[in-house]
């Protein structure tokens, strides 16, 4: 059985997500801005420049705190969908795709807040 961590480490998309999360969790925002500028495909940067993406992830870091992998939902070499727990509560879904050709620049990176369903029984 393959663990979620092994799935992340076995794909180009997963390696890029690990880099983003490491910088985000450690609040290395200058490095994260540089990472976005260097590792996002031109079309992805045109859609949302590095400064806009940095503002988005700073807001997410403030809301969720550090992120920890809950579950890899889907993974192949160049696309990954993963669910994360925030240290302050909440669930965040991250969808990352990268180009097939080296240097495998990130072509799509989206974040979605997920509402947890209540497990309490209704009276």
PDB file of N, CA and C in Angstrom:
ATOM      1  N   UNK A   1       0.843  -1.187   0.000  1.00  0.00           N
ATOM      2  CA  UNK A   1       0.000   0.000   0.000  1.00  0.00           C
ATOM      3  C   UNK A   1       0.889   1.253   0.000  1.00  0.00           C
ATOM      4  N   UNK A   2       0.574   2.188  -0.867  1.00  0.00           N
ATOM      5  CA  UNK A   2       1.364   3.402  -1.008  1.00  0.00           C
ATOM      6  C   UNK A   2       0.812   4.486  -0.084  1.00  0.00           C
ATOM      7  N   UNK A   3       1.684   5.105   0.685  1.00  0.00           N
ATOM      8  CA  UNK A   3       1.248   6.180   1.579  1.00  0.00           C
ATOM      9  C   UNK A   3       1.071   7.477   0.788  1.00  0.00           C
ATOM     10  N   UNK A   4       0.335   8.396   1.398  1.00  0.00           N
ATOM     11  CA  UNK A   4       0.137   9.701   0.761  1.00  0.00           C
ATOM     12  C   UNK A   4       1.471  10.399   0.526  1.00  0.00           C
ATOM     13  N   UNK A   5       2.387  10.299   1.479  1.00  0.00           N
ATOM     14  CA  UNK A   5       3.692  10.938   1.333  1.00  0.00           C
ATOM     15  C   UNK A   5       4.458  10.349   0.144  1.00  0.00           C
ATOM     16  N   UNK A   6       4.371   9.041  -0.039  1.00  0.00           N
ATOM     17  CA  UNK A   6       5.032   8.398  -1.175  1.00  0.00           C
ATOM     18  C   UNK A   6       4.408   8.862  -2.492  1.00  0.00           C
ATOM     19  N   UNK A   7       3.084   9.027  -2.510  1.00  0.00           N
ATOM     20  CA  UNK A   7       2.422   9.523  -3.720  1.00  0.00           C
ATOM     21  C   UNK A   7       2.915  10.925  -4.070  1.00  0.00           C
ATOM     22  N   UNK A   8       3.062  11.769  -3.059  1.00  0.00           N
ATOM     23  CA  UNK A   8       3.547  13.129  -3.297  1.00  0.00           C
ATOM     24  C   UNK A   8       4.976  13.116  -3.837  1.00  0.00           C
ATOM     25  N   UNK A   9       5.824  12.308  -3.238  1.00  0.00           N
ATOM     26  CA  UNK A   9       7.229  12.279  -3.615  1.00  0.00           C
ATOM     27  C   UNK A   9       7.473  11.592  -4.951  1.00  0.00           C
ATOM     28  N   UNK A  10       6.505  10.823  -5.445  1.00  0.00           N
ATOM     29  CA  UNK A  10       6.693  10.058  -6.675  1.00  0.00           C
ATOM     30  C   UNK A  10       6.265  10.816  -7.928  1.00  0.00           C
ATOM     31  N   UNK A  11       5.767  12.038  -7.765  1.00  0.00           N
ATOM     32  CA  UNK A  11       5.282  12.752  -8.946  1.00  0.00           C
ATOM     33  C   UNK A  11       5.896  14.149  -9.033  1.00  0.00           C
ATOM     34  N   UNK A  12       5.998  14.653 -10.254  1.00  0.00           N
ATOM     35  CA  UNK A  12       6.481  16.012 -10.462  1.00  0.00           C
ATOM     36  C   UNK A  12       5.549  17.019  -9.779  1.00  0.00           C
ATOM     37  N   UNK A  13       4.239  16.793  -9.886  1.00  0.00           N
ATOM     38  CA  UNK A  13       3.267  17.685  -9.250  1.00  0.00           C
ATOM     39  C   UNK A  13       3.427  17.639  -7.735  1.00  0.00           C
ATOM     40  N   UNK A  14       3.612  16.462  -7.188  1.00  0.00           N
ATOM     41  CA  UNK A  14       3.767  16.313  -5.751  1.00  0.00           C
ATOM     42  C   UNK A  14       5.002  17.005  -5.220  1.00  0.00           C
ATOM     43  N   UNK A  15       6.101  16.899  -5.944  1.00  0.00           N
ATOM     44  CA  UNK A  15       7.329  17.568  -5.519  1.00  0.00           C
ATOM     45  C   UNK A  15       7.155  19.086  -5.493  1.00  0.00           C
ATOM     46  N   UNK A  16       6.427  19.608  -6.454  1.00  0.00           N
ATOM     47  CA  UNK A  16       6.181  21.047  -6.480  1.00  0.00           C
ATOM     48  C   UNK A  16       5.259  21.468  -5.343  1.00  0.00           C
ATOM     49  N   UNK A  17       4.261  20.628  -5.052  1.00  0.00           N
ATOM     50  CA  UNK A  17       3.364  20.933  -3.941  1.00  0.00           C
ATOM     51  C   UNK A  17       4.109  20.886  -2.612  1.00  0.00           C
ATOM     52  N   UNK A  18       4.989  19.925  -2.438  1.00  0.00           N
ATOM     53  CA  UNK A  18       5.799  19.846  -1.214  1.00  0.00           C
ATOM     54  C   UNK A  18       6.614  21.131  -1.045  1.00  0.00           C
ATOM     55  N   UNK A  19       7.197  21.620  -2.127  1.00  0.00           N
ATOM     56  CA  UNK A  19       7.993  22.853  -2.053  1.00  0.00           C
ATOM     57  C   UNK A  19       7.129  24.035  -1.629  1.00  0.00           C
ATOM     58  N   UNK A  20       5.961  24.190  -2.259  1.00  0.00           N
ATOM     59  CA  UNK A  20       5.057  25.297  -1.922  1.00  0.00           C
ATOM     60  C   UNK A  20       4.639  25.207  -0.457  1.00  0.00           C
ATOM     61  N   UNK A  21       4.240  24.025  -0.010  1.00  0.00           N
ATOM     62  CA  UNK A  21       3.765  23.868   1.371  1.00  0.00           C
ATOM     63  C   UNK A  21       4.873  24.075   2.398  1.00  0.00           C
ATOM     64  N   UNK A  22       6.077  23.637   2.084  1.00  0.00           N
ATOM     65  CA  UNK A  22       7.196  23.832   3.003  1.00  0.00           C
ATOM     66  C   UNK A  22       7.446  25.324   3.206  1.00  0.00           C
ATOM     67  N   UNK A  23       7.484  26.070   2.118  1.00  0.00           N
ATOM     68  CA  UNK A  23       7.703  27.510   2.213  1.00  0.00           C
ATOM     69  C   UNK A  23       6.535  28.198   2.901  1.00  0.00           C
ATOM     70  N   UNK A  24       5.318  27.774   2.595  1.00  0.00           N
ATOM     71  CA  UNK A  24       4.126  28.371   3.204  1.00  0.00           C
ATOM     72  C   UNK A  24       4.073  28.075   4.701  1.00  0.00           C
ATOM     73  N   UNK A  25       4.246  26.815   5.073  1.00  0.00           N
ATOM     74  CA  UNK A  25       4.168  26.446   6.488  1.00  0.00           C
ATOM     75  C   UNK A  25       5.231  27.141   7.325  1.00  0.00           C
ATOM     76  N   UNK A  26       6.380  27.415   6.719  1.00  0.00           N
ATOM     77  CA  UNK A  26       7.465  28.090   7.433  1.00  0.00           C
ATOM     78  C   UNK A  26       7.446  29.609   7.246  1.00  0.00           C
ATOM     79  N   UNK A  27       6.391  30.101   6.602  1.00  0.00           N
ATOM     80  CA  UNK A  27       6.191  31.531   6.358  1.00  0.00           C
ATOM     81  C   UNK A  27       7.407  32.186   5.696  1.00  0.00           C
ATOM     82  N   UNK A  28       7.972  31.507   4.717  1.00  0.00           N
ATOM     83  CA  UNK A  28       9.108  32.029   3.944  1.00  0.00           C
ATOM     84  C   UNK A  28       8.544  32.736   2.701  1.00  0.00           C
ATOM     85  N   UNK A  29       7.872  33.845   2.926  1.00  0.00           N
ATOM     86  CA  UNK A  29       7.111  34.493   1.866  1.00  0.00           C
ATOM     87  C   UNK A  29       7.978  35.053   0.739  1.00  0.00           C
ATOM     88  N   UNK A  30       9.157  35.579   1.052  1.00  0.00           N
ATOM     89  CA  UNK A  30      10.033  36.068  -0.017  1.00  0.00           C
ATOM     90  C   UNK A  30      10.452  34.912  -0.928  1.00  0.00           C
ATOM     91  N   UNK A  31      10.794  33.783  -0.305  1.00  0.00           N
ATOM     92  CA  UNK A  31      11.168  32.593  -1.091  1.00  0.00           C
ATOM     93  C   UNK A  31       9.972  32.064  -1.878  1.00  0.00           C
ATOM     94  N   UNK A  32       8.787  32.128  -1.287  1.00  0.00           N
ATOM     95  CA  UNK A  32       7.599  31.632  -1.970  1.00  0.00           C
ATOM     96  C   UNK A  32       7.277  32.495  -3.192  1.00  0.00           C
ATOM     97  N   UNK A  33       7.403  33.814  -3.058  1.00  0.00           N
ATOM     98  CA  UNK A  33       7.187  34.708  -4.204  1.00  0.00           C
ATOM     99  C   UNK A  33       8.183  34.369  -5.314  1.00  0.00           C
ATOM    100  N   UNK A  34       9.442  34.169  -4.957  1.00  0.00           N
ATOM    101  CA  UNK A  34      10.473  33.812  -5.942  1.00  0.00           C
ATOM    102  C   UNK A  34      10.161  32.445  -6.559  1.00  0.00           C
ATOM    103  N   UNK A  35       9.689  31.508  -5.750  1.00  0.00           N
ATOM    104  CA  UNK A  35       9.347  30.180  -6.259  1.00  0.00           C
ATOM    105  C   UNK A  35       8.222  30.284  -7.293  1.00  0.00           C
ATOM    106  N   UNK A  36       7.202  31.067  -6.976  1.00  0.00           N
ATOM    107  CA  UNK A  36       6.104  31.258  -7.937  1.00  0.00           C
ATOM    108  C   UNK A  36       6.626  31.861  -9.240  1.00  0.00           C
ATOM    109  N   UNK A  37       7.466  32.880  -9.146  1.00  0.00           N
ATOM    110  CA  UNK A  37       7.990  33.529 -10.358  1.00  0.00           C
ATOM    111  C   UNK A  37       8.808  32.557 -11.207  1.00  0.00           C
ATOM    112  N   UNK A  38       9.560  31.692 -10.546  1.00  0.00           N
ATOM    113  CA  UNK A  38      10.449  30.784 -11.252  1.00  0.00           C
ATOM    114  C   UNK A  38       9.753  29.506 -11.736  1.00  0.00           C
ATOM    115  N   UNK A  39       8.789  29.014 -10.975  1.00  0.00           N
ATOM    116  CA  UNK A  39       8.246  27.683 -11.235  1.00  0.00           C
ATOM    117  C   UNK A  39       6.818  27.651 -11.772  1.00  0.00           C
ATOM    118  N   UNK A  40       6.188  28.798 -11.967  1.00  0.00           N
ATOM    119  CA  UNK A  40       4.874  28.812 -12.602  1.00  0.00           C
ATOM    120  C   UNK A  40       5.031  29.062 -14.089  1.00  0.00           C
ATOM    121  N   UNK A  41       4.236  28.360 -14.861  1.00  0.00           N
ATOM    122  CA  UNK A  41       4.258  28.528 -16.318  1.00  0.00           C
ATOM    123  C   UNK A  41       3.806  29.946 -16.661  1.00  0.00           C
ATOM    124  N   UNK A  42       4.261  30.485 -17.798  1.00  0.00           N
ATOM    125  CA  UNK A  42       3.869  31.841 -18.192  1.00  0.00           C
ATOM    126  C   UNK A  42       2.356  32.063 -18.210  1.00  0.00           C
ATOM    127  N   UNK A  43       1.596  31.092 -18.701  1.00  0.00           N
ATOM    128  CA  UNK A  43       0.129  31.254 -18.737  1.00  0.00           C
ATOM    129  C   UNK A  43      -0.456  31.340 -17.328  1.00  0.00           C
ATOM    130  N   UNK A  44       0.093  30.568 -16.393  1.00  0.00           N
ATOM    131  CA  UNK A  44      -0.385  30.601 -15.004  1.00  0.00           C
ATOM    132  C   UNK A  44      -0.038  31.943 -14.353  1.00  0.00           C
ATOM    133  N   UNK A  45       1.131  32.480 -14.670  1.00  0.00           N
ATOM    134  CA  UNK A  45       1.517  33.786 -14.135  1.00  0.00           C
ATOM    135  C   UNK A  45       0.687  34.906 -14.742  1.00  0.00           C
ATOM    136  N   UNK A  46       0.308  34.744 -16.010  1.00  0.00           N
ATOM    137  CA  UNK A  46      -0.535  35.745 -16.643  1.00  0.00           C
ATOM    138  C   UNK A  46      -1.924  35.749 -15.998  1.00  0.00           C
ATOM    139  N   UNK A  47      -2.411  34.552 -15.671  1.00  0.00           N
ATOM    140  CA  UNK A  47      -3.726  34.424 -15.024  1.00  0.00           C
ATOM    141  C   UNK A  47      -3.723  35.072 -13.641  1.00  0.00           C
ATOM    142  N   UNK A  48      -2.658  34.837 -12.879  1.00  0.00           N
ATOM    143  CA  UNK A  48      -2.514  35.427 -11.543  1.00  0.00           C
ATOM    144  C   UNK A  48      -1.018  35.571 -11.264  1.00  0.00           C
ATOM    145  N   UNK A  49      -0.507  36.813 -11.276  1.00  0.00           N
ATOM    146  CA  UNK A  49       0.921  37.039 -11.043  1.00  0.00           C
ATOM    147  C   UNK A  49       1.361  36.536  -9.665  1.00  0.00           C
ATOM    148  N   UNK A  50       2.658  36.396  -9.503  1.00  0.00           N
ATOM    149  CA  UNK A  50       3.231  35.875  -8.260  1.00  0.00           C
ATOM    150  C   UNK A  50       2.773  36.666  -7.041  1.00  0.00           C
ATOM    151  N   UNK A  51       2.674  37.987  -7.158  1.00  0.00           N
ATOM    152  CA  UNK A  51       2.263  38.798  -6.004  1.00  0.00           C
ATOM    153  C   UNK A  51       0.811  38.512  -5.605  1.00  0.00           C
ATOM    154  N   UNK A  52      -0.049  38.264  -6.590  1.00  0.00           N
ATOM    155  CA  UNK A  52      -1.446  37.925  -6.310  1.00  0.00           C
ATOM    156  C   UNK A  52      -1.521  36.548  -5.656  1.00  0.00           C
ATOM    157  N   UNK A  53      -0.783  35.597  -6.182  1.00  0.00           N
ATOM    158  CA  UNK A  53      -0.763  34.248  -5.593  1.00  0.00           C
ATOM    159  C   UNK A  53      -0.198  34.287  -4.177  1.00  0.00           C
ATOM    160  N   UNK A  54       0.822  35.099  -3.964  1.00  0.00           N
ATOM    161  CA  UNK A  54       1.403  35.215  -2.634  1.00  0.00           C
ATOM    162  C   UNK A  54       0.378  35.786  -1.655  1.00  0.00           C
ATOM    163  N   UNK A  55      -0.355  36.799  -2.055  1.00  0.00           N
ATOM    164  CA  UNK A  55      -1.389  37.368  -1.186  1.00  0.00           C
ATOM    165  C   UNK A  55      -2.443  36.315  -0.837  1.00  0.00           C
ATOM    166  N   UNK A  56      -2.804  35.482  -1.812  1.00  0.00           N
ATOM    167  CA  UNK A  56      -3.795  34.436  -1.569  1.00  0.00           C
ATOM    168  C   UNK A  56      -3.283  33.422  -0.544  1.00  0.00           C
ATOM    169  N   UNK A  57      -2.057  32.968  -0.702  1.00  0.00           N
ATOM    170  CA  UNK A  57      -1.551  31.949   0.225  1.00  0.00           C
ATOM    171  C   UNK A  57      -1.261  32.538   1.607  1.00  0.00           C
ATOM    172  N   UNK A  58      -0.908  33.815   1.682  1.00  0.00           N
ATOM    173  CA  UNK A  58      -0.741  34.460   2.988  1.00  0.00           C
ATOM    174  C   UNK A  58      -2.072  34.478   3.734  1.00  0.00           C
ATOM    175  N   UNK A  59      -3.147  34.794   3.003  1.00  0.00           N
ATOM    176  CA  UNK A  59      -4.484  34.809   3.600  1.00  0.00           C
ATOM    177  C   UNK A  59      -4.860  33.402   4.077  1.00  0.00           C
ATOM    178  N   UNK A  60      -4.559  32.393   3.260  1.00  0.00           N
ATOM    179  CA  UNK A  60      -4.853  31.015   3.652  1.00  0.00           C
ATOM    180  C   UNK A  60      -4.040  30.612   4.874  1.00  0.00           C
ATOM    181  N   UNK A  61      -2.774  31.020   4.924  1.00  0.00           N
ATOM    182  CA  UNK A  61      -1.914  30.693   6.071  1.00  0.00           C
ATOM    183  C   UNK A  61      -2.469  31.333   7.338  1.00  0.00           C
ATOM    184  N   UNK A  62      -2.960  32.572   7.212  1.00  0.00           N
ATOM    185  CA  UNK A  62      -3.555  33.241   8.359  1.00  0.00           C
ATOM    186  C   UNK A  62      -4.834  32.560   8.836  1.00  0.00           C
ATOM    187  N   UNK A  63      -5.615  32.082   7.908  1.00  0.00           N
ATOM    188  CA  UNK A  63      -6.885  31.428   8.231  1.00  0.00           C
ATOM    189  C   UNK A  63      -6.692  30.011   8.770  1.00  0.00           C
ATOM    190  N   UNK A  64      -5.841  29.216   8.119  1.00  0.00           N
ATOM    191  CA  UNK A  64      -5.699  27.807   8.454  1.00  0.00           C
ATOM    192  C   UNK A  64      -4.517  27.500   9.362  1.00  0.00           C
ATOM    193  N   UNK A  65      -3.512  28.355   9.387  1.00  0.00           N
ATOM    194  CA  UNK A  65      -2.274  28.012  10.075  1.00  0.00           C
ATOM    195  C   UNK A  65      -1.484  27.052   9.204  1.00  0.00           C
ATOM    196  N   UNK A  66      -0.650  26.255   9.835  1.00  0.00           N
ATOM    197  CA  UNK A  66       0.144  25.268   9.091  1.00  0.00           C
ATOM    198  C   UNK A  66      -0.791  24.216   8.506  1.00  0.00           C
ATOM    199  N   UNK A  67      -0.435  23.719   7.343  1.00  0.00           N
ATOM    200  CA  UNK A  67      -1.240  22.697   6.676  1.00  0.00           C
ATOM    201  C   UNK A  67      -0.572  21.332   6.798  1.00  0.00           C
ATOM    202  N   UNK A  68      -1.400  20.317   7.013  1.00  0.00           N
ATOM    203  CA  UNK A  68      -0.908  18.949   7.114  1.00  0.00           C
ATOM    204  C   UNK A  68      -1.748  18.074   6.183  1.00  0.00           C
ATOM    205  N   UNK A  69      -1.096  17.208   5.459  1.00  0.00           N
ATOM    206  CA  UNK A  69      -1.792  16.339   4.512  1.00  0.00           C
ATOM    207  C   UNK A  69      -2.777  15.432   5.231  1.00  0.00           C
ATOM    208  N   UNK A  70      -4.028  15.472   4.783  1.00  0.00           N
ATOM    209  CA  UNK A  70      -5.025  14.530   5.280  1.00  0.00           C
ATOM    210  C   UNK A  70      -5.133  13.352   4.322  1.00  0.00           C
ATOM    211  N   UNK A  71      -5.259  13.684   3.004  1.00  0.00           N
ATOM    212  CA  UNK A  71      -5.454  12.608   2.030  1.00  0.00           C
ATOM    213  C   UNK A  71      -5.097  13.086   0.628  1.00  0.00           C
ATOM    214  N   UNK A  72      -4.381  12.235  -0.093  1.00  0.00           N
ATOM    215  CA  UNK A  72      -4.186  12.470  -1.521  1.00  0.00           C
ATOM    216  C   UNK A  72      -5.404  11.863  -2.205  1.00  0.00           C
ATOM    217  N   UNK A  73      -6.169  12.692  -2.869  1.00  0.00           N
ATOM    218  CA  UNK A  73      -7.407  12.249  -3.502  1.00  0.00           C
ATOM    219  C   UNK A  73      -7.133  11.659  -4.874  1.00  0.00           C
ATOM    220  N   UNK A  74      -6.249  12.297  -5.604  1.00  0.00           N
ATOM    221  CA  UNK A  74      -5.886  11.801  -6.927  1.00  0.00           C
ATOM    222  C   UNK A  74      -4.483  12.252  -7.274  1.00  0.00           C
ATOM    223  N   UNK A  75      -3.734  11.351  -7.907  1.00  0.00           N
ATOM    224  CA  UNK A  75      -2.358  11.707  -8.236  1.00  0.00           C
ATOM    225  C   UNK A  75      -1.898  10.947  -9.458  1.00  0.00           C
ATOM    226  N   UNK A  76      -1.227  11.675 -10.340  1.00  0.00           N
ATOM    227  CA  UNK A  76      -0.414  11.054 -11.375  1.00  0.00           C
ATOM    228  C   UNK A  76       0.840  11.905 -11.475  1.00  0.00           C
ATOM    229  N   UNK A  77       1.680  11.627 -12.448  1.00  0.00           N
ATOM    230  CA  UNK A  77       2.976  12.319 -12.495  1.00  0.00           C
ATOM    231  C   UNK A  77       2.859  13.840 -12.588  1.00  0.00           C
ATOM    232  N   UNK A  78       1.804  14.323 -13.246  1.00  0.00           N
ATOM    233  CA  UNK A  78       1.734  15.753 -13.532  1.00  0.00           C
ATOM    234  C   UNK A  78       0.489  16.440 -13.001  1.00  0.00           C
ATOM    235  N   UNK A  79      -0.277  15.760 -12.179  1.00  0.00           N
ATOM    236  CA  UNK A  79      -1.489  16.356 -11.614  1.00  0.00           C
ATOM    237  C   UNK A  79      -1.753  15.739 -10.255  1.00  0.00           C
ATOM    238  N   UNK A  80      -2.156  16.592  -9.315  1.00  0.00           N
ATOM    239  CA  UNK A  80      -2.366  16.138  -7.949  1.00  0.00           C
ATOM    240  C   UNK A  80      -3.537  16.899  -7.337  1.00  0.00           C
ATOM    241  N   UNK A  81      -4.397  16.169  -6.651  1.00  0.00           N
ATOM    242  CA  UNK A  81      -5.470  16.776  -5.873  1.00  0.00           C
ATOM    243  C   UNK A  81      -5.322  16.229  -4.461  1.00  0.00           C
ATOM    244  N   UNK A  82      -5.216  17.139  -3.495  1.00  0.00           N
ATOM    245  CA  UNK A  82      -4.891  16.726  -2.134  1.00  0.00           C
ATOM    246  C   UNK A  82      -5.706  17.541  -1.129  1.00  0.00           C
ATOM    247  N   UNK A  83      -6.111  16.877  -0.048  1.00  0.00           N
ATOM    248  CA  UNK A  83      -6.877  17.501   1.020  1.00  0.00           C
ATOM    249  C   UNK A  83      -5.967  17.716   2.221  1.00  0.00           C
ATOM    250  N   UNK A  84      -6.042  18.915   2.807  1.00  0.00           N
ATOM    251  CA  UNK A  84      -5.183  19.280   3.930  1.00  0.00           C
ATOM    252  C   UNK A  84      -6.011  19.736   5.120  1.00  0.00           C
ATOM    253  N   UNK A  85      -5.519  19.402   6.312  1.00  0.00           N
ATOM    254  CA  UNK A  85      -6.073  19.902   7.566  1.00  0.00           C
ATOM    255  C   UNK A  85      -5.289  21.137   7.968  1.00  0.00           C
ATOM    256  N   UNK A  86      -6.008  22.163   8.428  1.00  0.00           N
ATOM    257  CA  UNK A  86      -5.349  23.343   8.966  1.00  0.00           C
ATOM    258  C   UNK A  86      -5.166  23.195  10.463  1.00  0.00           C
ATOM    259  N   UNK A  87      -4.077  23.716  10.991  1.00  0.00           N
ATOM    260  CA  UNK A  87      -3.841  23.597  12.431  1.00  0.00           C
ATOM    261  C   UNK A  87      -4.883  24.380  13.227  1.00  0.00           C
ATOM    262  N   UNK A  88      -5.531  25.356  12.610  1.00  0.00           N
ATOM    263  CA  UNK A  88      -6.588  26.123  13.267  1.00  0.00           C
ATOM    264  C   UNK A  88      -7.968  25.590  12.908  1.00  0.00           C
ATOM    265  N   UNK A  89      -7.994  24.416  12.321  1.00  0.00           N
ATOM    266  CA  UNK A  89      -9.256  23.828  11.886  1.00  0.00           C
ATOM    267  C   UNK A  89      -9.488  24.109  10.420  1.00  0.00           C
ATOM    268  N   UNK A  90     -10.451  23.432   9.868  1.00  0.00           N
ATOM    269  CA  UNK A  90     -10.802  23.620   8.478  1.00  0.00           C
ATOM    270  C   UNK A  90     -10.060  22.673   7.550  1.00  0.00           C
ATOM    271  N   UNK A  91     -10.649  22.513   6.385  1.00  0.00           N
ATOM    272  CA  UNK A  91     -10.075  21.660   5.342  1.00  0.00           C
ATOM    273  C   UNK A  91      -9.815  22.497   4.106  1.00  0.00           C
ATOM    274  N   UNK A  92      -8.703  22.229   3.460  1.00  0.00           N
ATOM    275  CA  UNK A  92      -8.332  22.939   2.238  1.00  0.00           C
ATOM    276  C   UNK A  92      -7.981  21.916   1.166  1.00  0.00           C
ATOM    277  N   UNK A  93      -8.589  22.076   0.004  1.00  0.00           N
ATOM    278  CA  UNK A  93      -8.299  21.230  -1.148  1.00  0.00           C
ATOM    279  C   UNK A  93      -7.348  21.990  -2.061  1.00  0.00           C
ATOM    280  N   UNK A  94      -6.258  21.347  -2.440  1.00  0.00           N
ATOM    281  CA  UNK A  94      -5.308  21.964  -3.360  1.00  0.00           C
ATOM    282  C   UNK A  94      -5.222  21.095  -4.604  1.00  0.00           C
ATOM    283  N   UNK A  95      -5.366  21.732  -5.755  1.00  0.00           N
ATOM    284  CA  UNK A  95      -5.294  21.073  -7.060  1.00  0.00           C
ATOM    285  C   UNK A  95      -4.112  21.699  -7.792  1.00  0.00           C
ATOM    286  N   UNK A  96      -3.111  20.881  -8.100  1.00  0.00           N
ATOM    287  CA  UNK A  96      -1.905  21.375  -8.758  1.00  0.00           C
ATOM    288  C   UNK A  96      -1.618  20.516  -9.979  1.00  0.00           C
ATOM    289  N   UNK A  97      -1.377  21.177 -11.085  1.00  0.00           N
ATOM    290  CA  UNK A  97      -0.968  20.489 -12.316  1.00  0.00           C
ATOM    291  C   UNK A  97       0.322  21.131 -12.797  1.00  0.00           C
ATOM    292  N   UNK A  98       1.185  20.308 -13.376  1.00  0.00           N
ATOM    293  CA  UNK A  98       2.420  20.839 -13.938  1.00  0.00           C
ATOM    294  C   UNK A  98       2.593  20.312 -15.360  1.00  0.00           C
ATOM    295  N   UNK A  99       3.433  21.011 -16.099  1.00  0.00           N
ATOM    296  CA  UNK A  99       3.679  20.640 -17.484  1.00  0.00           C
ATOM    297  C   UNK A  99       4.426  19.313 -17.562  1.00  0.00           C
ATOM    298  N   UNK A 100       4.168  18.572 -18.619  1.00  0.00           N
ATOM    299  CA  UNK A 100       4.836  17.282 -18.799  1.00  0.00           C
ATOM    300  C   UNK A 100       6.308  17.446 -19.154  1.00  0.00           C
ATOM    301  N   UNK A 101       6.638  18.513 -19.872  1.00  0.00           N
ATOM    302  CA  UNK A 101       8.018  18.731 -20.304  1.00  0.00           C
ATOM    303  C   UNK A 101       8.830  19.404 -19.206  1.00  0.00           C
ATOM    304  N   UNK A 102      10.118  18.988 -19.111  1.00  0.00           N
ATOM    305  CA  UNK A 102      11.049  19.603 -18.177  1.00  0.00           C
ATOM    306  C   UNK A 102      11.121  21.093 -18.465  1.00  0.00           C
ATOM    307  N   UNK A 103      11.105  21.969 -17.497  1.00  0.00           N
ATOM    308  CA  UNK A 103      11.291  21.764 -16.064  1.00  0.00           C
ATOM    309  C   UNK A 103       9.984  21.571 -15.277  1.00  0.00           C
ATOM    310  N   UNK A 104       8.939  21.127 -15.918  1.00  0.00           N
ATOM    311  CA  UNK A 104       7.676  20.790 -15.248  1.00  0.00           C
ATOM    312  C   UNK A 104       7.106  21.979 -14.471  1.00  0.00           C
ATOM    313  N   UNK A 105       7.013  23.114 -15.152  1.00  0.00           N
ATOM    314  CA  UNK A 105       6.474  24.306 -14.497  1.00  0.00           C
ATOM    315  C   UNK A 105       5.011  24.084 -14.132  1.00  0.00           C
ATOM    316  N   UNK A 106       4.594  24.730 -13.059  1.00  0.00           N
ATOM    317  CA  UNK A 106       3.212  24.607 -12.576  1.00  0.00           C
ATOM    318  C   UNK A 106       2.286  25.331 -13.550  1.00  0.00           C
ATOM    319  N   UNK A 107       1.333  24.583 -14.103  1.00  0.00           N
ATOM    320  CA  UNK A 107       0.397  25.169 -15.068  1.00  0.00           C
ATOM    321  C   UNK A 107      -0.932  25.560 -14.421  1.00  0.00           C
ATOM    322  N   UNK A 108      -1.258  24.971 -13.281  1.00  0.00           N
ATOM    323  CA  UNK A 108      -2.491  25.309 -12.562  1.00  0.00           C
ATOM    324  C   UNK A 108      -2.271  25.057 -11.077  1.00  0.00           C
ATOM    325  N   UNK A 109      -2.742  25.992 -10.258  1.00  0.00           N
ATOM    326  CA  UNK A 109      -2.661  25.864  -8.813  1.00  0.00           C
ATOM    327  C   UNK A 109      -3.881  26.543  -8.219  1.00  0.00           C
ATOM    328  N   UNK A 110      -4.785  25.724  -7.671  1.00  0.00           N
ATOM    329  CA  UNK A 110      -6.003  26.290  -7.096  1.00  0.00           C
ATOM    330  C   UNK A 110      -6.201  25.772  -5.676  1.00  0.00           C
ATOM    331  N   UNK A 111      -6.869  26.599  -4.891  1.00  0.00           N
ATOM    332  CA  UNK A 111      -7.164  26.299  -3.493  1.00  0.00           C
ATOM    333  C   UNK A 111      -8.672  26.415  -3.298  1.00  0.00           C
ATOM    334  N   UNK A 112      -9.249  25.470  -2.567  1.00  0.00           N
ATOM    335  CA  UNK A 112     -10.684  25.513  -2.284  1.00  0.00           C
ATOM    336  C   UNK A 112     -10.928  25.121  -0.836  1.00  0.00           C
ATOM    337  N   UNK A 113     -11.650  25.967  -0.125  1.00  0.00           N
ATOM    338  CA  UNK A 113     -12.056  25.628   1.237  1.00  0.00           C
ATOM    339  C   UNK A 113     -13.151  24.575   1.160  1.00  0.00           C
ATOM    340  N   UNK A 114     -13.082  23.584   2.045  1.00  0.00           N
ATOM    341  CA  UNK A 114     -14.058  22.502   2.065  1.00  0.00           C
ATOM    342  C   UNK A 114     -14.828  22.545   3.368  1.00  0.00           C
ATOM    343  N   UNK A 115     -16.148  22.494   3.275  1.00  0.00           N
ATOM    344  CA  UNK A 115     -16.994  22.438   4.457  1.00  0.00           C
ATOM    345  C   UNK A 115     -17.066  21.001   4.940  1.00  0.00           C
ATOM    346  N   UNK A 116     -16.777  20.784   6.197  1.00  0.00           N
ATOM    347  CA  UNK A 116     -16.914  19.443   6.767  1.00  0.00           C
ATOM    348  C   UNK A 116     -18.364  19.205   7.117  1.00  0.00           C
ATOM    349  N   UNK A 117     -18.823  17.993   6.807  1.00  0.00           N
ATOM    350  CA  UNK A 117     -20.197  17.640   7.168  1.00  0.00           C
ATOM    351  C   UNK A 117     -20.243  17.289   8.632  1.00  0.00           C
ATOM    352  N   UNK A 118     -21.333  17.659   9.258  1.00  0.00           N
ATOM    353  CA  UNK A 118     -21.516  17.334  10.667  1.00  0.00           C
ATOM    354  C   UNK A 118     -21.763  15.844  10.815  1.00  0.00           C
ATOM    355  N   UNK A 119     -21.134  15.254  11.820  1.00  0.00           N
ATOM    356  CA  UNK A 119     -21.353  13.835  12.091  1.00  0.00           C
ATOM    357  C   UNK A 119     -22.390  13.636  13.181  1.00  0.00           C
ATOM    358  N   UNK A 120     -22.896  14.741  13.709  1.00  0.00           N
ATOM    359  CA  UNK A 120     -23.895  14.647  14.771  1.00  0.00           C
ATOM    360  C   UNK A 120     -25.237  14.196  14.188  1.00  0.00           C
ATOM    361  N   UNK A 121     -25.937  13.379  14.943  1.00  0.00           N
ATOM    362  CA  UNK A 121     -27.252  12.924  14.513  1.00  0.00           C
ATOM    363  C   UNK A 121     -28.274  14.019  14.771  1.00  0.00           C
ATOM    364  N   UNK A 122     -29.148  14.205  13.813  1.00  0.00           N
ATOM    365  CA  UNK A 122     -30.196  15.219  13.998  1.00  0.00           C
ATOM    366  C   UNK A 122     -31.305  14.638  14.853  1.00  0.00           C
ATOM    367  N   UNK A 123     -31.834  15.455  15.771  1.00  0.00           N
ATOM    368  CA  UNK A 123     -32.896  14.973  16.673  1.00  0.00           C
ATOM    369  C   UNK A 123     -34.243  15.019  16.005  1.00  0.00           C
TER     370      UNK A 123
END
